[in-house]
Amino acid sequence: MKSLTMGLKGMALAIGCLALLSCNPLENKTESSSLLIVQNLTGVNTEGQEVSYLESDVVRLDNAGNPFVTADPAVVTFSAKLLDLTSSRGPSQYNDIIIDRYVVRYTRVEGKNQEGVDVPYAFEGSLSTMVQINSVTEISFPIVRAAAKLEPPLVNLASTTAEGVLQVTARVDFYGHDMMNKKITATGYLAIFFANYADK
């Protein structure tokens, strides 16, 4: 009976410790005490206006009528905050964040997601951007590679007989670290409409 009581007390203590840890975000396997937030992710439409999506022209014509392809940029707005807003220590320069890498992956709503067949290949890019704690930073980066427009499925849309629009969702994972070299990630999404838009 004594051993059973001791066992129950030990179990209750263990559960209490686990509950305590799960309630504290700073101790719940969190790498950093800073939080990186993707506030906004935008592209441009065919008029060149900044919008909450991207209209990507798979092929363009120069003044002589020769076809060419270009990469498409997106603009991301980051903010950085302390993960524990109740901390009495407050922010410091050690909470500032350096973003050094991003990965873009594409998916389709209907679930056809084979790279190089249904959607463009995923790719990785490099960045060197600082986001200071309690501040906002905006940067531009390529969200569609020019090379992707020379490969299926985008090259198929470039045909003079091709019609229709390929809609995908781009998921962008941003990777970085705070000034204590603790890892940080954040994710943003952007709808992209690929087509052979009319050249003006």
N, C-alpha and C. Protein backbone atom coordinates (compact mmCIF):
# COMPACT_ATOMS: atom_id res chain seq x y z
N MET A 1 0.84 -1.20 0.00
CA MET A 1 0.00 0.00 0.00
C MET A 1 0.87 1.25 0.00
N LYS A 2 1.97 1.17 0.82
CA LYS A 2 2.89 2.31 0.89
C LYS A 2 3.55 2.57 -0.45
N SER A 3 3.98 1.49 -1.12
CA SER A 3 4.65 1.63 -2.42
C SER A 3 3.69 2.18 -3.46
N LEU A 4 2.40 1.79 -3.37
CA LEU A 4 1.40 2.29 -4.30
C LEU A 4 1.19 3.79 -4.11
N THR A 5 1.14 4.22 -2.83
CA THR A 5 0.97 5.64 -2.53
C THR A 5 2.15 6.45 -3.03
N MET A 6 3.37 5.91 -2.80
CA MET A 6 4.58 6.59 -3.26
C MET A 6 4.58 6.70 -4.78
N GLY A 7 4.12 5.60 -5.44
CA GLY A 7 4.08 5.61 -6.89
C GLY A 7 3.11 6.64 -7.43
N LEU A 8 1.94 6.75 -6.78
CA LEU A 8 0.95 7.74 -7.20
C LEU A 8 1.45 9.16 -6.99
N LYS A 9 2.15 9.38 -5.85
CA LYS A 9 2.71 10.71 -5.59
C LYS A 9 3.76 11.08 -6.64
N GLY A 10 4.59 10.08 -7.00
CA GLY A 10 5.62 10.32 -8.01
C GLY A 10 5.02 10.64 -9.36
N MET A 11 3.94 9.92 -9.68
CA MET A 11 3.26 10.15 -10.96
C MET A 11 2.64 11.54 -10.99
N ALA A 12 2.00 11.93 -9.86
CA ALA A 12 1.38 13.25 -9.79
C ALA A 12 2.42 14.35 -9.91
N LEU A 13 3.59 14.13 -9.28
CA LEU A 13 4.67 15.11 -9.37
C LEU A 13 5.17 15.25 -10.80
N ALA A 14 5.30 14.10 -11.48
CA ALA A 14 5.78 14.12 -12.87
C ALA A 14 4.79 14.85 -13.77
N ILE A 15 3.48 14.58 -13.57
CA ILE A 15 2.45 15.24 -14.38
C ILE A 15 2.46 16.74 -14.11
N GLY A 16 2.64 17.11 -12.82
CA GLY A 16 2.69 18.52 -12.47
C GLY A 16 3.85 19.23 -13.14
N CYS A 17 5.00 18.57 -13.19
CA CYS A 17 6.18 19.15 -13.85
C CYS A 17 5.95 19.33 -15.34
N LEU A 18 5.32 18.31 -15.94
CA LEU A 18 5.05 18.39 -17.38
C LEU A 18 4.08 19.53 -17.67
N ALA A 19 3.06 19.67 -16.83
CA ALA A 19 2.10 20.75 -17.03
C ALA A 19 2.77 22.10 -16.89
N LEU A 20 3.69 22.20 -15.93
CA LEU A 20 4.41 23.45 -15.71
C LEU A 20 5.24 23.81 -16.93
N LEU A 21 5.91 22.80 -17.50
CA LEU A 21 6.74 23.04 -18.68
C LEU A 21 5.90 23.41 -19.89
N SER A 22 4.75 22.74 -20.04
CA SER A 22 3.93 23.01 -21.22
C SER A 22 3.30 24.40 -21.16
N CYS A 23 3.18 24.96 -19.96
CA CYS A 23 2.59 26.28 -19.84
C CYS A 23 3.62 27.39 -20.06
N ASN A 24 4.89 27.04 -20.05
CA ASN A 24 5.95 28.04 -20.21
C ASN A 24 6.55 27.93 -21.60
N PRO A 25 6.19 28.83 -22.54
CA PRO A 25 6.68 28.71 -23.91
C PRO A 25 8.19 28.81 -24.01
N LEU A 26 8.85 29.47 -23.05
CA LEU A 26 10.30 29.62 -23.12
C LEU A 26 11.02 28.31 -22.82
N GLU A 27 10.33 27.39 -22.17
CA GLU A 27 10.96 26.13 -21.80
C GLU A 27 10.41 24.95 -22.59
N ASN A 28 9.49 25.24 -23.50
CA ASN A 28 8.85 24.17 -24.25
C ASN A 28 9.59 23.93 -25.57
N LYS A 29 10.88 23.60 -25.47
CA LYS A 29 11.73 23.28 -26.63
C LYS A 29 11.82 24.45 -27.60
N THR A 30 11.61 25.65 -27.13
CA THR A 30 11.73 26.83 -27.97
C THR A 30 13.19 27.22 -28.07
N GLU A 31 13.67 27.44 -29.30
CA GLU A 31 15.07 27.74 -29.51
C GLU A 31 15.44 29.13 -29.03
N SER A 32 14.55 30.08 -29.22
CA SER A 32 14.89 31.48 -28.96
C SER A 32 13.80 32.14 -28.12
N SER A 33 14.18 33.23 -27.45
CA SER A 33 13.19 34.01 -26.71
C SER A 33 12.59 35.10 -27.60
N SER A 34 12.99 35.14 -28.88
CA SER A 34 12.43 36.08 -29.86
C SER A 34 11.46 35.37 -30.79
N LEU A 35 10.49 36.12 -31.27
CA LEU A 35 9.48 35.58 -32.17
C LEU A 35 9.50 36.35 -33.48
N LEU A 36 9.69 35.64 -34.60
CA LEU A 36 9.68 36.25 -35.93
C LEU A 36 8.29 36.07 -36.53
N ILE A 37 7.69 37.15 -37.01
CA ILE A 37 6.33 37.12 -37.55
C ILE A 37 6.34 37.60 -39.01
N VAL A 38 5.71 36.83 -39.90
CA VAL A 38 5.47 37.29 -41.27
C VAL A 38 4.17 38.06 -41.25
N GLN A 39 4.26 39.39 -41.25
CA GLN A 39 3.07 40.23 -41.18
C GLN A 39 2.32 40.29 -42.50
N ASN A 40 3.08 40.26 -43.61
CA ASN A 40 2.46 40.40 -44.92
C ASN A 40 3.37 39.81 -45.98
N LEU A 41 2.75 39.23 -47.01
CA LEU A 41 3.50 38.69 -48.15
C LEU A 41 2.72 39.06 -49.41
N THR A 42 3.33 39.85 -50.28
CA THR A 42 2.61 40.39 -51.43
C THR A 42 3.37 40.14 -52.73
N GLY A 43 2.61 40.19 -53.84
CA GLY A 43 3.18 40.13 -55.18
C GLY A 43 2.67 41.31 -55.98
N VAL A 44 2.72 41.16 -57.31
CA VAL A 44 2.20 42.22 -58.20
C VAL A 44 1.27 41.59 -59.21
N ASN A 45 0.35 42.40 -59.73
CA ASN A 45 -0.51 41.93 -60.81
C ASN A 45 0.10 42.32 -62.15
N THR A 46 -0.60 42.05 -63.23
CA THR A 46 -0.04 42.33 -64.56
C THR A 46 0.11 43.82 -64.83
N GLU A 47 -0.54 44.65 -64.01
CA GLU A 47 -0.40 46.09 -64.14
C GLU A 47 0.78 46.63 -63.34
N GLY A 48 1.45 45.72 -62.61
CA GLY A 48 2.58 46.15 -61.80
C GLY A 48 2.20 46.70 -60.44
N GLN A 49 0.93 46.53 -60.06
CA GLN A 49 0.47 47.03 -58.77
C GLN A 49 0.70 45.99 -57.68
N GLU A 50 1.08 46.45 -56.49
CA GLU A 50 1.29 45.53 -55.37
C GLU A 50 -0.06 45.03 -54.87
N VAL A 51 -0.19 43.70 -54.80
CA VAL A 51 -1.46 43.07 -54.39
C VAL A 51 -1.15 41.89 -53.48
N SER A 52 -2.20 41.27 -52.94
CA SER A 52 -2.02 40.17 -52.00
C SER A 52 -1.89 38.82 -52.69
N TYR A 53 -1.53 38.82 -53.97
CA TYR A 53 -1.30 37.62 -54.76
C TYR A 53 -0.26 37.97 -55.81
N LEU A 54 0.04 37.01 -56.70
CA LEU A 54 1.01 37.26 -57.78
C LEU A 54 0.46 36.75 -59.09
N GLU A 55 0.44 37.61 -60.11
CA GLU A 55 0.14 37.17 -61.47
C GLU A 55 1.46 37.04 -62.20
N SER A 56 1.84 35.81 -62.49
CA SER A 56 3.16 35.52 -63.06
C SER A 56 3.03 35.21 -64.55
N ASP A 57 3.65 36.04 -65.37
CA ASP A 57 3.65 35.84 -66.82
C ASP A 57 4.74 34.83 -67.17
N VAL A 58 4.37 33.70 -67.77
CA VAL A 58 5.33 32.63 -68.01
C VAL A 58 6.25 32.93 -69.18
N VAL A 59 5.88 33.86 -70.05
CA VAL A 59 6.77 34.27 -71.14
C VAL A 59 6.40 35.69 -71.55
N ARG A 60 7.43 36.49 -71.85
CA ARG A 60 7.22 37.87 -72.27
C ARG A 60 7.91 38.10 -73.60
N LEU A 61 7.55 39.20 -74.25
CA LEU A 61 8.16 39.54 -75.54
C LEU A 61 8.88 40.87 -75.43
N ASP A 62 10.10 40.92 -76.00
CA ASP A 62 10.81 42.20 -76.00
C ASP A 62 10.31 43.06 -77.15
N ASN A 63 10.91 44.21 -77.35
CA ASN A 63 10.44 45.15 -78.38
C ASN A 63 10.54 44.59 -79.79
N ALA A 64 11.44 43.61 -79.96
CA ALA A 64 11.59 43.00 -81.29
C ALA A 64 10.70 41.77 -81.47
N GLY A 65 9.91 41.46 -80.41
CA GLY A 65 9.02 40.30 -80.50
C GLY A 65 9.66 39.00 -80.10
N ASN A 66 10.86 39.06 -79.51
CA ASN A 66 11.55 37.84 -79.07
C ASN A 66 11.10 37.45 -77.67
N PRO A 67 10.83 36.15 -77.43
CA PRO A 67 10.37 35.73 -76.10
C PRO A 67 11.51 35.69 -75.09
N PHE A 68 11.20 35.99 -73.84
CA PHE A 68 12.17 35.85 -72.75
C PHE A 68 11.41 35.62 -71.45
N VAL A 69 12.12 35.13 -70.44
CA VAL A 69 11.49 34.86 -69.14
C VAL A 69 12.24 35.63 -68.06
N THR A 70 11.53 35.96 -67.01
CA THR A 70 12.13 36.67 -65.88
C THR A 70 11.64 36.04 -64.57
N ALA A 71 12.41 36.23 -63.53
CA ALA A 71 11.99 35.80 -62.20
C ALA A 71 10.91 36.74 -61.68
N ASP A 72 10.11 36.27 -60.74
CA ASP A 72 9.07 37.10 -60.13
C ASP A 72 9.42 37.35 -58.67
N PRO A 73 9.39 38.61 -58.26
CA PRO A 73 9.68 38.93 -56.86
C PRO A 73 8.41 38.94 -56.01
N ALA A 74 8.60 38.79 -54.71
CA ALA A 74 7.55 39.03 -53.73
C ALA A 74 8.14 39.94 -52.67
N VAL A 75 7.29 40.57 -51.90
CA VAL A 75 7.73 41.44 -50.82
C VAL A 75 7.19 40.89 -49.51
N VAL A 76 8.07 40.69 -48.54
CA VAL A 76 7.65 40.18 -47.24
C VAL A 76 7.90 41.26 -46.18
N THR A 77 6.94 41.39 -45.28
CA THR A 77 7.08 42.31 -44.15
C THR A 77 7.21 41.49 -42.87
N PHE A 78 8.36 41.65 -42.20
CA PHE A 78 8.63 40.94 -40.95
C PHE A 78 8.46 41.87 -39.76
N SER A 79 8.08 41.29 -38.63
CA SER A 79 8.21 41.98 -37.35
C SER A 79 8.81 41.00 -36.35
N ALA A 80 9.40 41.53 -35.30
CA ALA A 80 10.02 40.69 -34.28
C ALA A 80 9.57 41.15 -32.90
N LYS A 81 9.20 40.18 -32.08
CA LYS A 81 8.75 40.49 -30.73
C LYS A 81 9.34 39.50 -29.75
N LEU A 82 9.28 39.84 -28.47
CA LEU A 82 9.69 38.90 -27.44
C LEU A 82 8.63 37.81 -27.31
N LEU A 83 9.08 36.58 -27.17
CA LEU A 83 8.16 35.46 -27.01
C LEU A 83 7.43 35.56 -25.67
N ASP A 84 8.14 35.97 -24.63
CA ASP A 84 7.55 36.12 -23.30
C ASP A 84 7.37 37.61 -23.01
N LEU A 85 6.16 38.10 -23.23
CA LEU A 85 5.89 39.53 -23.06
C LEU A 85 5.86 39.94 -21.60
N THR A 86 5.80 38.95 -20.70
CA THR A 86 5.75 39.26 -19.26
C THR A 86 7.13 39.33 -18.64
N SER A 87 8.17 39.09 -19.46
CA SER A 87 9.53 39.10 -18.92
C SER A 87 9.89 40.48 -18.38
N SER A 88 10.48 40.51 -17.19
CA SER A 88 10.87 41.78 -16.58
C SER A 88 12.20 42.29 -17.13
N ARG A 89 12.91 41.43 -17.85
CA ARG A 89 14.22 41.84 -18.37
C ARG A 89 14.10 42.77 -19.58
N GLY A 90 13.03 42.63 -20.34
CA GLY A 90 12.86 43.47 -21.51
C GLY A 90 13.76 43.05 -22.66
N PRO A 91 13.57 43.65 -23.85
CA PRO A 91 14.37 43.26 -25.02
C PRO A 91 15.79 43.83 -24.96
N SER A 92 16.69 43.20 -25.70
CA SER A 92 18.06 43.69 -25.85
C SER A 92 18.52 43.38 -27.26
N GLN A 93 19.74 43.78 -27.58
CA GLN A 93 20.26 43.52 -28.92
C GLN A 93 20.41 42.03 -29.20
N TYR A 94 20.45 41.23 -28.13
CA TYR A 94 20.57 39.78 -28.31
C TYR A 94 19.27 39.17 -28.85
N ASN A 95 18.17 39.92 -28.79
CA ASN A 95 16.90 39.45 -29.31
C ASN A 95 16.71 39.78 -30.78
N ASP A 96 17.58 40.59 -31.37
CA ASP A 96 17.49 40.89 -32.80
C ASP A 96 17.68 39.61 -33.61
N ILE A 97 17.08 39.59 -34.79
CA ILE A 97 17.04 38.37 -35.60
C ILE A 97 17.73 38.59 -36.94
N ILE A 98 18.55 37.62 -37.34
CA ILE A 98 19.14 37.59 -38.68
C ILE A 98 18.46 36.49 -39.48
N ILE A 99 17.86 36.85 -40.62
CA ILE A 99 17.26 35.86 -41.52
C ILE A 99 18.26 35.58 -42.63
N ASP A 100 18.64 34.32 -42.80
CA ASP A 100 19.70 34.00 -43.75
C ASP A 100 19.30 33.02 -44.86
N ARG A 101 18.09 32.48 -44.79
CA ARG A 101 17.73 31.47 -45.79
C ARG A 101 16.21 31.38 -45.90
N TYR A 102 15.74 31.00 -47.10
CA TYR A 102 14.31 30.73 -47.27
C TYR A 102 14.12 29.59 -48.25
N VAL A 103 12.99 28.88 -48.11
CA VAL A 103 12.65 27.76 -49.00
C VAL A 103 11.23 27.98 -49.51
N VAL A 104 11.06 27.86 -50.84
CA VAL A 104 9.74 28.03 -51.46
C VAL A 104 9.27 26.68 -51.97
N ARG A 105 8.04 26.32 -51.59
CA ARG A 105 7.40 25.09 -52.08
C ARG A 105 6.02 25.46 -52.63
N TYR A 106 5.60 24.76 -53.69
CA TYR A 106 4.33 25.06 -54.34
C TYR A 106 3.35 23.90 -54.20
N THR A 107 2.08 24.23 -53.98
CA THR A 107 1.04 23.20 -53.93
C THR A 107 -0.18 23.67 -54.70
N ARG A 108 -1.01 22.71 -55.09
CA ARG A 108 -2.26 23.01 -55.77
C ARG A 108 -3.43 22.55 -54.92
N VAL A 109 -4.54 23.26 -55.02
CA VAL A 109 -5.71 22.95 -54.20
C VAL A 109 -6.23 21.55 -54.47
N GLU A 110 -6.18 21.13 -55.75
CA GLU A 110 -6.73 19.83 -56.10
C GLU A 110 -5.82 18.67 -55.71
N GLY A 111 -4.69 18.96 -55.12
CA GLY A 111 -3.82 17.90 -54.60
C GLY A 111 -2.82 17.32 -55.59
N LYS A 112 -2.78 17.84 -56.82
CA LYS A 112 -1.79 17.38 -57.80
C LYS A 112 -0.50 18.17 -57.56
N ASN A 113 0.44 17.57 -56.87
CA ASN A 113 1.60 18.32 -56.39
C ASN A 113 2.95 17.72 -56.79
N GLN A 114 2.98 16.94 -57.87
CA GLN A 114 4.27 16.37 -58.30
C GLN A 114 5.13 17.47 -58.92
N GLU A 115 6.31 17.67 -58.34
CA GLU A 115 7.20 18.73 -58.83
C GLU A 115 7.69 18.41 -60.24
N GLY A 116 7.74 19.43 -61.08
CA GLY A 116 8.18 19.25 -62.45
C GLY A 116 7.11 18.70 -63.36
N VAL A 117 5.93 18.39 -62.81
CA VAL A 117 4.79 17.90 -63.60
C VAL A 117 3.57 18.78 -63.33
N ASP A 118 3.18 18.85 -62.06
CA ASP A 118 1.99 19.61 -61.67
C ASP A 118 2.33 21.00 -61.15
N VAL A 119 3.46 21.11 -60.48
CA VAL A 119 3.90 22.38 -59.89
C VAL A 119 5.39 22.56 -60.16
N PRO A 120 5.89 23.79 -60.11
CA PRO A 120 7.34 24.00 -60.26
C PRO A 120 8.11 23.35 -59.10
N TYR A 121 9.39 23.13 -59.35
CA TYR A 121 10.25 22.55 -58.32
C TYR A 121 10.43 23.53 -57.15
N ALA A 122 10.52 22.97 -55.96
CA ALA A 122 10.86 23.78 -54.79
C ALA A 122 12.29 24.28 -54.93
N PHE A 123 12.60 25.38 -54.27
CA PHE A 123 13.97 25.89 -54.33
C PHE A 123 14.30 26.64 -53.05
N GLU A 124 15.59 26.87 -52.86
CA GLU A 124 16.09 27.55 -51.68
C GLU A 124 16.87 28.79 -52.08
N GLY A 125 16.73 29.84 -51.31
CA GLY A 125 17.45 31.08 -51.57
C GLY A 125 18.14 31.58 -50.31
N SER A 126 19.10 32.47 -50.50
CA SER A 126 19.85 33.03 -49.38
C SER A 126 19.42 34.47 -49.12
N LEU A 127 19.45 34.86 -47.85
CA LEU A 127 19.14 36.22 -47.44
C LEU A 127 20.19 36.68 -46.44
N SER A 128 20.23 37.95 -46.20
CA SER A 128 21.07 38.51 -45.14
C SER A 128 20.35 39.74 -44.61
N THR A 129 19.33 39.47 -43.80
CA THR A 129 18.43 40.53 -43.36
C THR A 129 18.31 40.53 -41.85
N MET A 130 18.46 41.71 -41.24
CA MET A 130 18.27 41.83 -39.80
C MET A 130 16.90 42.43 -39.50
N VAL A 131 16.22 41.81 -38.54
CA VAL A 131 14.95 42.34 -38.03
C VAL A 131 15.18 42.65 -36.56
N GLN A 132 15.19 43.91 -36.21
CA GLN A 132 15.41 44.28 -34.82
C GLN A 132 14.15 44.04 -34.00
N ILE A 133 14.35 43.69 -32.75
CA ILE A 133 13.22 43.40 -31.88
C ILE A 133 12.32 44.63 -31.76
N ASN A 134 11.01 44.40 -31.79
CA ASN A 134 9.99 45.45 -31.71
C ASN A 134 10.07 46.42 -32.88
N SER A 135 10.44 45.90 -34.06
CA SER A 135 10.49 46.74 -35.25
C SER A 135 9.92 45.97 -36.44
N VAL A 136 9.74 46.67 -37.57
CA VAL A 136 9.21 46.07 -38.79
C VAL A 136 10.23 46.24 -39.91
N THR A 137 10.44 45.18 -40.68
CA THR A 137 11.39 45.21 -41.80
C THR A 137 10.73 44.62 -43.04
N GLU A 138 10.94 45.27 -44.18
CA GLU A 138 10.35 44.82 -45.45
C GLU A 138 11.46 44.54 -46.44
N ILE A 139 11.39 43.37 -47.10
CA ILE A 139 12.40 43.03 -48.11
C ILE A 139 11.72 42.39 -49.32
N SER A 140 12.41 42.45 -50.45
CA SER A 140 11.96 41.79 -51.68
C SER A 140 12.86 40.59 -51.94
N PHE A 141 12.27 39.52 -52.47
CA PHE A 141 13.03 38.30 -52.77
C PHE A 141 12.36 37.56 -53.92
N PRO A 142 13.10 36.74 -54.69
CA PRO A 142 12.49 35.98 -55.79
C PRO A 142 11.61 34.85 -55.24
N ILE A 143 10.35 34.81 -55.67
CA ILE A 143 9.47 33.74 -55.24
C ILE A 143 9.21 32.75 -56.38
N VAL A 144 9.54 33.16 -57.61
CA VAL A 144 9.49 32.27 -58.79
C VAL A 144 10.80 32.45 -59.55
N ARG A 145 11.51 31.36 -59.80
CA ARG A 145 12.76 31.43 -60.56
C ARG A 145 12.46 31.58 -62.06
N ALA A 146 13.35 32.28 -62.76
CA ALA A 146 13.22 32.36 -64.22
C ALA A 146 13.34 30.98 -64.83
N ALA A 147 14.23 30.15 -64.28
CA ALA A 147 14.45 28.79 -64.81
C ALA A 147 13.19 27.95 -64.72
N ALA A 148 12.32 28.22 -63.73
CA ALA A 148 11.09 27.44 -63.59
C ALA A 148 10.17 27.61 -64.79
N LYS A 149 10.30 28.75 -65.48
CA LYS A 149 9.43 29.01 -66.63
C LYS A 149 9.91 28.32 -67.90
N LEU A 150 11.08 27.68 -67.79
CA LEU A 150 11.62 26.90 -68.91
C LEU A 150 11.43 25.40 -68.69
N GLU A 151 10.72 25.04 -67.62
CA GLU A 151 10.47 23.65 -67.26
C GLU A 151 8.97 23.43 -67.13
N PRO A 152 8.52 22.16 -67.27
CA PRO A 152 7.11 21.86 -66.99
C PRO A 152 6.82 22.10 -65.50
N PRO A 153 5.63 22.51 -65.16
CA PRO A 153 4.47 22.71 -66.05
C PRO A 153 4.38 24.11 -66.66
N LEU A 154 5.24 25.04 -66.24
CA LEU A 154 5.09 26.43 -66.68
C LEU A 154 5.40 26.59 -68.16
N VAL A 155 6.39 25.86 -68.67
CA VAL A 155 6.74 26.00 -70.09
C VAL A 155 5.57 25.58 -70.98
N ASN A 156 4.72 24.69 -70.47
CA ASN A 156 3.56 24.26 -71.24
C ASN A 156 2.55 25.39 -71.44
N LEU A 157 2.53 26.33 -70.49
CA LEU A 157 1.61 27.46 -70.58
C LEU A 157 2.09 28.52 -71.58
N ALA A 158 3.37 28.43 -71.96
CA ALA A 158 3.96 29.44 -72.84
C ALA A 158 3.60 29.24 -74.31
N SER A 159 3.04 28.08 -74.64
CA SER A 159 2.67 27.80 -76.03
C SER A 159 1.64 28.81 -76.51
N THR A 160 1.72 29.14 -77.81
CA THR A 160 0.78 30.11 -78.39
C THR A 160 -0.65 29.58 -78.37
N THR A 161 -0.79 28.25 -78.27
CA THR A 161 -2.13 27.66 -78.24
C THR A 161 -2.60 27.38 -76.82
N ALA A 162 -1.71 27.61 -75.83
CA ALA A 162 -2.07 27.31 -74.44
C ALA A 162 -3.04 28.37 -73.91
N GLU A 163 -4.00 27.88 -73.15
CA GLU A 163 -4.96 28.78 -72.51
C GLU A 163 -5.13 28.37 -71.05
N GLY A 164 -5.70 29.27 -70.30
CA GLY A 164 -5.98 28.93 -68.91
C GLY A 164 -4.92 29.44 -67.96
N VAL A 165 -5.20 29.25 -66.69
CA VAL A 165 -4.34 29.73 -65.61
C VAL A 165 -4.04 28.58 -64.67
N LEU A 166 -2.78 28.47 -64.26
CA LEU A 166 -2.38 27.49 -63.25
C LEU A 166 -2.28 28.22 -61.92
N GLN A 167 -3.15 27.84 -60.98
CA GLN A 167 -3.14 28.48 -59.66
C GLN A 167 -2.43 27.58 -58.67
N VAL A 168 -1.47 28.15 -57.95
CA VAL A 168 -0.76 27.42 -56.91
C VAL A 168 -0.69 28.30 -55.66
N THR A 169 -0.35 27.66 -54.57
CA THR A 169 -0.03 28.39 -53.34
C THR A 169 1.44 28.19 -53.04
N ALA A 170 2.14 29.29 -52.89
CA ALA A 170 3.55 29.22 -52.52
C ALA A 170 3.68 29.30 -51.00
N ARG A 171 4.31 28.31 -50.42
CA ARG A 171 4.63 28.34 -48.99
C ARG A 171 6.09 28.74 -48.87
N VAL A 172 6.36 29.78 -48.12
CA VAL A 172 7.73 30.26 -47.96
C VAL A 172 8.13 30.11 -46.49
N ASP A 173 9.12 29.28 -46.23
CA ASP A 173 9.66 29.10 -44.89
C ASP A 173 10.94 29.91 -44.77
N PHE A 174 10.97 30.81 -43.80
CA PHE A 174 12.14 31.65 -43.55
C PHE A 174 12.90 31.11 -42.35
N TYR A 175 14.23 31.07 -42.47
CA TYR A 175 15.08 30.52 -41.41
C TYR A 175 16.11 31.56 -40.99
N GLY A 176 16.39 31.58 -39.69
CA GLY A 176 17.39 32.50 -39.19
C GLY A 176 17.77 32.17 -37.77
N HIS A 177 18.31 33.17 -37.08
CA HIS A 177 18.75 32.97 -35.70
C HIS A 177 18.80 34.32 -35.00
N ASP A 178 18.70 34.29 -33.68
CA ASP A 178 18.87 35.53 -32.93
C ASP A 178 20.35 35.77 -32.69
N MET A 179 20.68 36.83 -31.97
CA MET A 179 22.08 37.19 -31.78
C MET A 179 22.79 36.31 -30.75
N MET A 180 22.04 35.37 -30.17
CA MET A 180 22.63 34.32 -29.33
C MET A 180 22.80 33.04 -30.14
N ASN A 181 22.55 33.15 -31.46
CA ASN A 181 22.68 32.04 -32.42
C ASN A 181 21.67 30.92 -32.16
N LYS A 182 20.51 31.28 -31.62
CA LYS A 182 19.43 30.30 -31.43
C LYS A 182 18.49 30.38 -32.61
N LYS A 183 18.10 29.22 -33.14
CA LYS A 183 17.36 29.15 -34.40
C LYS A 183 15.95 29.71 -34.29
N ILE A 184 15.50 30.30 -35.41
CA ILE A 184 14.17 30.89 -35.51
C ILE A 184 13.62 30.61 -36.90
N THR A 185 12.33 30.31 -36.99
CA THR A 185 11.67 30.11 -38.29
C THR A 185 10.34 30.85 -38.31
N ALA A 186 9.87 31.15 -39.52
CA ALA A 186 8.55 31.74 -39.72
C ALA A 186 8.08 31.35 -41.12
N THR A 187 6.77 31.35 -41.33
CA THR A 187 6.20 30.88 -42.60
C THR A 187 5.17 31.87 -43.12
N GLY A 188 5.17 32.06 -44.45
CA GLY A 188 4.17 32.89 -45.11
C GLY A 188 3.65 32.19 -46.35
N TYR A 189 2.49 32.61 -46.83
CA TYR A 189 1.84 31.99 -48.00
C TYR A 189 1.42 33.06 -49.00
N LEU A 190 1.51 32.71 -50.29
CA LEU A 190 1.10 33.64 -51.35
C LEU A 190 0.46 32.85 -52.49
N ALA A 191 -0.72 33.27 -52.93
CA ALA A 191 -1.37 32.66 -54.09
C ALA A 191 -0.71 33.19 -55.36
N ILE A 192 -0.41 32.28 -56.29
CA ILE A 192 0.22 32.65 -57.56
C ILE A 192 -0.64 32.14 -58.72
N PHE A 193 -0.85 33.01 -59.71
CA PHE A 193 -1.61 32.65 -60.91
C PHE A 193 -0.67 32.72 -62.10
N PHE A 194 -0.27 31.55 -62.61
CA PHE A 194 0.63 31.46 -63.77
C PHE A 194 -0.21 31.42 -65.05
N ALA A 195 0.20 32.22 -66.05
CA ALA A 195 -0.49 32.21 -67.34
C ALA A 195 0.39 32.92 -68.37
N ASN A 196 0.05 32.75 -69.63
CA ASN A 196 0.71 33.51 -70.70
C ASN A 196 -0.13 34.77 -70.92
N TYR A 197 0.12 35.76 -70.06
CA TYR A 197 -0.67 37.00 -70.12
C TYR A 197 -0.31 37.80 -71.36
N ALA A 198 -1.26 38.56 -71.85
CA ALA A 198 -1.04 39.36 -73.05
C ALA A 198 0.02 40.42 -72.80
N ASP A 199 0.98 40.55 -73.73
CA ASP A 199 2.01 41.58 -73.60
C ASP A 199 1.49 42.90 -74.11
N LYS A 200 1.82 43.93 -73.36
CA LYS A 200 1.34 45.28 -73.73
C LYS A 200 2.36 45.95 -74.64
